Protein backbone atom coordinates (compact mmCIF):
# COMPACT_ATOMS: atom_id res chain seq x y z
CA UNK A 1 0.07 0.01 -0.06
CA UNK A 2 0.94 3.56 -0.59
CA UNK A 3 2.35 5.38 2.49
CA UNK A 4 0.12 8.27 1.38
CA UNK A 5 -3.01 6.64 2.83
CA UNK A 6 -3.51 5.28 6.39
CA UNK A 7 -7.11 5.17 6.55
CA UNK A 8 -10.21 4.96 4.20
CA UNK A 9 -13.75 6.51 4.38
CA UNK A 10 -16.62 5.17 2.46
CA UNK A 11 -19.58 7.26 2.15
CA UNK A 12 -22.80 6.63 0.21
CA UNK A 13 -26.50 6.59 0.37
CA UNK A 14 -28.63 3.46 1.25
CA UNK A 15 -28.17 0.67 -1.44
CA UNK A 16 -25.07 2.23 -3.09
CA UNK A 17 -22.81 -0.57 -1.83
CA UNK A 18 -20.87 1.30 0.81
CA UNK A 19 -21.18 -1.50 3.57
CA UNK A 20 -20.23 -4.22 1.01
CA UNK A 21 -17.16 -2.41 -0.02
CA UNK A 22 -16.12 -1.58 3.67
CA UNK A 23 -16.38 -5.14 4.81
CA UNK A 24 -14.66 -6.55 1.72
CA UNK A 25 -11.82 -3.78 1.83
CA UNK A 26 -11.12 -4.19 5.48
CA UNK A 27 -10.97 -8.05 5.00
CA UNK A 28 -8.62 -7.70 2.05
CA UNK A 29 -6.28 -5.09 3.86
CA UNK A 30 -6.53 -6.70 7.21
CA UNK A 31 -7.70 -3.40 8.61
CA UNK A 32 -10.44 -2.63 11.21
CA UNK A 33 -13.90 -2.13 9.94
CA UNK A 34 -16.18 0.48 11.54
CA UNK A 35 -19.85 0.86 10.45
CA UNK A 36 -21.39 4.20 11.65
CA UNK A 37 -24.88 2.69 10.81
CA UNK A 38 -24.44 -0.51 12.70
CA UNK A 39 -23.01 1.52 15.68
CA UNK A 40 -25.97 3.72 15.72
CA UNK A 41 -28.39 0.95 15.35
CA UNK A 42 -27.03 -0.95 18.26
CA UNK A 43 -27.18 2.21 20.21
CA UNK A 44 -30.67 2.86 19.45
CA UNK A 45 -31.91 -0.63 20.26
CA UNK A 46 -30.00 -0.64 23.48
CA UNK A 47 -31.84 2.68 24.57
CA UNK A 48 -35.18 1.50 23.28
CA UNK A 49 -35.29 4.00 20.46
CA UNK A 50 -35.72 1.31 17.73
CA UNK A 51 -37.38 -2.12 17.45
CA UNK A 52 -34.34 -4.70 16.96
CA UNK A 53 -36.80 -6.91 15.01
CA UNK A 54 -37.03 -4.19 12.26
CA UNK A 55 -34.44 -4.87 9.59
CA UNK A 56 -34.46 -1.34 8.23
CA UNK A 57 -32.35 1.13 9.71
CA UNK A 58 -33.85 4.25 11.31
CA UNK A 59 -33.32 7.95 10.58
CA UNK A 60 -30.87 9.98 12.35
CA UNK A 61 -33.73 12.15 13.90
CA UNK A 62 -34.17 9.52 16.59
CA UNK A 63 -30.97 10.94 18.29
CA UNK A 64 -30.25 14.30 19.70
CA UNK A 65 -28.06 16.56 17.77
CA UNK A 66 -25.51 16.37 20.71
CA UNK A 67 -25.27 12.74 20.48
CA UNK A 68 -25.02 12.60 16.62
CA UNK A 69 -22.17 15.20 16.95
CA UNK A 70 -20.43 13.22 19.60
CA UNK A 71 -20.36 10.16 17.54
CA UNK A 72 -19.28 12.05 14.43
CA UNK A 73 -16.52 13.72 16.06
CA UNK A 74 -15.43 10.72 17.55
CA UNK A 75 -15.03 9.28 14.01
CA UNK A 76 -13.07 12.35 13.00
CA UNK A 77 -10.80 11.99 15.97
CA UNK A 78 -10.10 8.31 15.07
CA UNK A 79 -9.22 9.37 11.52
CA UNK A 80 -6.72 11.74 12.87
CA UNK A 81 -5.18 9.56 15.42
CA UNK A 82 -5.60 5.97 14.23
CA UNK A 83 -4.16 4.00 11.20
CA UNK A 84 -5.51 0.84 9.23
CA UNK A 85 -9.16 1.91 9.63
CA UNK A 86 -12.03 1.58 7.27
CA UNK A 87 -15.04 3.80 8.26
CA UNK A 88 -18.30 3.35 6.47
CA UNK A 89 -20.67 6.16 7.43
CA UNK A 90 -22.97 8.51 5.40
CA UNK A 91 -20.91 11.48 6.58
CA UNK A 92 -17.44 9.91 6.64
CA UNK A 93 -16.15 11.68 3.69
CA UNK A 94 -17.20 14.96 5.06
CA UNK A 95 -16.01 14.25 8.49
CA UNK A 96 -12.35 13.42 6.83
CA UNK A 97 -12.11 16.90 5.19
CA UNK A 98 -8.85 18.50 6.01
CA UNK A 99 -7.31 15.25 7.51
CA UNK A 100 -4.13 13.99 5.78
CA UNK A 101 -3.66 10.21 5.01
CA UNK A 102 -7.39 9.51 4.46
CA UNK A 103 -8.69 8.01 1.11
CA UNK A 104 -12.09 9.38 0.74
CA UNK A 105 -14.43 7.07 -1.32
CA UNK A 106 -17.85 8.04 -2.57
CA UNK A 107 -20.28 5.29 -3.43
CA UNK A 108 -23.01 5.94 -5.84
CA UNK A 109 -25.60 4.06 -8.01
CA UNK A 110 -26.93 5.82 -11.11
CA UNK A 111 -30.12 3.87 -10.95
CA UNK A 112 -32.21 4.44 -7.91
CA UNK A 113 -34.31 1.28 -8.82
CA UNK A 114 -31.30 -0.78 -8.46
CA UNK A 115 -30.69 0.70 -4.84
CA UNK A 116 -34.36 -0.10 -3.87
CA UNK A 117 -33.91 -3.57 -5.15
CA UNK A 118 -30.79 -4.05 -3.13
CA UNK A 119 -32.65 -3.03 -0.06
CA UNK A 120 -35.47 -5.28 -0.90
CA UNK A 121 -33.19 -8.20 -1.16
CA UNK A 122 -30.95 -7.26 1.86
CA UNK A 123 -33.80 -6.56 4.37
CA UNK A 124 -36.63 -8.69 3.04
CA UNK A 125 -39.09 -5.83 2.67
CA UNK A 126 -41.56 -4.89 -0.07
CA UNK A 127 -40.59 -2.52 -2.89
CA UNK A 128 -42.81 0.25 -1.47
CA UNK A 129 -41.45 -0.01 2.12
CA UNK A 130 -37.78 0.12 0.58
CA UNK A 131 -38.60 3.21 -1.41
CA UNK A 132 -40.19 4.92 1.55
CA UNK A 133 -37.34 3.89 3.75
CA UNK A 134 -34.67 4.95 1.35
CA UNK A 135 -36.06 8.40 0.17
CA UNK A 136 -37.75 9.51 3.39
CA UNK A 137 -34.72 8.56 5.56
CA UNK A 138 -32.33 10.35 3.12
CA UNK A 139 -34.33 13.61 3.26
CA UNK A 140 -34.76 13.58 7.19
CA UNK A 141 -31.01 12.77 7.79
CA UNK A 142 -29.80 15.34 5.23
CA UNK A 143 -31.93 18.05 6.43
CA UNK A 144 -30.86 17.52 9.99
CA UNK A 145 -27.23 17.33 9.12
CA UNK A 146 -27.23 20.22 6.78
CA UNK A 147 -28.68 22.32 9.74
CA UNK A 148 -26.31 20.82 12.28
CA UNK A 149 -23.02 21.18 10.40
CA UNK A 150 -23.31 24.75 8.74
CA UNK A 151 -20.38 25.97 10.68
CA UNK A 152 -18.10 22.93 10.22
CA UNK A 153 -18.99 23.03 6.53
CA UNK A 154 -17.70 26.54 6.14
CA UNK A 155 -14.45 25.75 8.31
CA UNK A 156 -13.62 22.47 6.51
CA UNK A 157 -15.11 22.91 2.88
CA UNK A 158 -15.69 26.48 2.22
CA UNK A 159 -18.49 28.69 0.87
CA UNK A 160 -19.84 26.30 -1.64
CA UNK A 161 -23.39 24.96 -1.23
CA UNK A 162 -23.66 22.11 1.50
CA UNK A 163 -23.79 18.90 -0.44
CA UNK A 164 -22.32 15.97 1.56
CA UNK A 165 -22.01 13.95 -1.59
CA UNK A 166 -20.28 16.48 -3.87
CA UNK A 167 -17.67 14.53 -5.76
CA UNK A 168 -15.21 17.24 -5.36
CA UNK A 169 -15.13 16.18 -1.56
CA UNK A 170 -13.81 12.80 -2.53
CA UNK A 171 -10.60 11.17 -3.86
CA UNK A 172 -12.49 8.38 -5.75
CA UNK A 173 -16.14 8.20 -6.85
CA UNK A 174 -17.48 4.66 -7.70
CA UNK A 175 -20.76 3.97 -9.39
CA UNK A 176 -21.93 0.64 -8.39
CA UNK A 177 -24.55 0.46 -11.15
CA UNK A 178 -21.65 -0.20 -13.73
CA UNK A 179 -18.99 -1.87 -11.28
CA UNK A 180 -19.81 -5.09 -9.42
CA UNK A 181 -18.41 -6.02 -6.03
CA UNK A 182 -15.05 -7.04 -7.20
CA UNK A 183 -14.57 -4.30 -9.72
CA UNK A 184 -15.31 -1.75 -7.03
CA UNK A 185 -12.96 -3.28 -4.61
CA UNK A 186 -10.18 -3.41 -7.30
CA UNK A 187 -10.67 0.39 -8.01
CA UNK A 188 -10.30 1.08 -4.39
CA UNK A 189 -7.20 -1.16 -3.98
CA UNK A 190 -5.55 0.33 -7.11
CA UNK A 191 -6.13 3.88 -5.77
CA UNK A 192 -4.64 2.95 -2.51
CA UNK A 193 -1.58 1.60 -4.26
CA UNK A 194 -0.75 4.93 -6.08
């Protein structure tokens, strides 16, 4: 691996393949994998904020701003201090802004129907439930985070409009509509080796 990168962040909306890539990449590299979504889900279940029998993830609106910020800043601190870490989180690329040694990967999928299909198959829910889950949750989360992180956005990114998935924030953007799991993994490994 290149000495340039000591950590990787993987950001992407539901069904784009970020968790699949994160797990496979960490395994391939022998690095630690951390899923922000899994961490938050476990916390929500433990605190009685979410039903553990529901396979779908919940929106970030179930947490206080302070808790969300605490978890996010913990990830940012880990990116600064640790090495050999793969962080998979909706905001991980944003949280890595201005931190040296982090390869920031954005996962996308050019076809929303494919994202919906992936959630249907992963979570065993109907197409309508998957659509509602994906698009309502995206809207709620992004509205909350846009409000919460205005100050940080100006400090870390600048004056451009807040868009956590603006490709210019990332070192590599992979469209999983046109790349399968192995091709996606290979693209990231190749970028790490440069």
